[in-house]
Amino acid sequence: MNSHSTSDEKGAIIVPIPHSYVWLTEGYHDRPKLFKQYVAGYVQSIGYQLIEINGMNAICERR
């Protein structure tokens, strides 16, 4: 497991989302979609699959 991630009571992996993704998506016409794409790519790069975004945390499962 990534050293910055934690697990919840259901076994889902909680990964903090880098704050840079907030300003990287600023001004984009469909910001929520782009933000989700960035987060999904980030968690995939560390071996997880995105389930949902909750605040500035990505709720994931192992791929």
Protein backbone atom coordinates (compact mmCIF):
# COMPACT_ATOMS: atom_id res chain seq x y z
CA MET A 1 0.00 0.00 0.00
CA ASN A 2 1.18 3.53 -0.73
CA SER A 3 2.65 5.12 2.40
CA HIS A 4 0.28 8.08 2.10
CA SER A 5 -2.88 6.02 1.78
CA THR A 6 -5.11 4.56 4.45
CA SER A 7 -7.98 2.07 4.51
CA ASP A 8 -11.51 2.55 5.76
CA GLU A 9 -13.64 0.03 7.65
CA LYS A 10 -14.90 -1.49 4.37
CA GLY A 11 -11.39 -2.10 3.07
CA ALA A 12 -11.44 0.73 0.54
CA ILE A 13 -8.16 2.57 0.14
CA ILE A 14 -8.21 6.30 0.82
CA VAL A 15 -5.60 8.31 -1.09
CA PRO A 16 -5.17 12.06 -0.50
CA ILE A 17 -5.56 14.04 -3.73
CA PRO A 18 -2.68 16.43 -4.55
CA HIS A 19 -3.83 20.03 -4.01
CA SER A 20 -2.18 21.04 -7.29
CA TYR A 21 -5.10 19.41 -9.13
CA VAL A 22 -7.37 22.19 -7.83
CA TRP A 23 -5.44 24.96 -9.50
CA LEU A 24 -4.52 22.86 -12.56
CA THR A 25 -8.22 22.57 -13.41
CA GLU A 26 -9.12 26.18 -12.59
CA GLY A 27 -10.92 27.93 -15.44
CA TYR A 28 -11.58 24.76 -17.45
CA HIS A 29 -15.12 24.69 -18.91
CA ASP A 30 -15.89 21.23 -17.44
CA ARG A 31 -13.74 21.37 -14.33
CA PRO A 32 -15.34 18.42 -12.44
CA LYS A 33 -14.74 16.08 -15.38
CA LEU A 34 -11.12 17.15 -15.83
CA PHE A 35 -10.47 16.94 -12.07
CA LYS A 36 -11.84 13.39 -11.98
CA GLN A 37 -9.68 12.41 -14.97
CA TYR A 38 -6.56 13.75 -13.24
CA VAL A 39 -7.39 11.93 -10.02
CA ALA A 40 -8.19 8.66 -11.84
CA GLY A 41 -4.87 8.84 -13.68
CA TYR A 42 -2.99 9.57 -10.48
CA VAL A 43 -4.43 6.65 -8.52
CA GLN A 44 -3.96 4.29 -11.48
CA SER A 45 -0.29 5.27 -11.60
CA ILE A 46 0.12 4.03 -8.02
CA GLY A 47 -1.79 0.79 -8.64
CA TYR A 48 -5.36 1.60 -7.62
CA GLN A 49 -8.75 1.98 -9.32
CA LEU A 50 -10.84 5.06 -8.49
CA ILE A 51 -14.23 4.34 -6.93
CA GLU A 52 -15.23 7.89 -5.95
CA ILE A 53 -13.94 11.25 -4.82
CA ASN A 54 -14.86 12.44 -1.34
CA GLY A 55 -13.57 15.93 -0.59
CA MET A 56 -9.83 15.87 -1.27
CA ASN A 57 -9.61 12.08 -0.92
CA ALA A 58 -9.84 9.44 -3.61
CA ILE A 59 -11.66 6.31 -2.49
CA CYS A 60 -10.00 3.42 -4.32
CA GLU A 61 -9.59 -0.31 -4.60
CA ARG A 62 -6.60 -2.34 -5.71
CA ARG A 63 -6.45 -3.10 -9.44
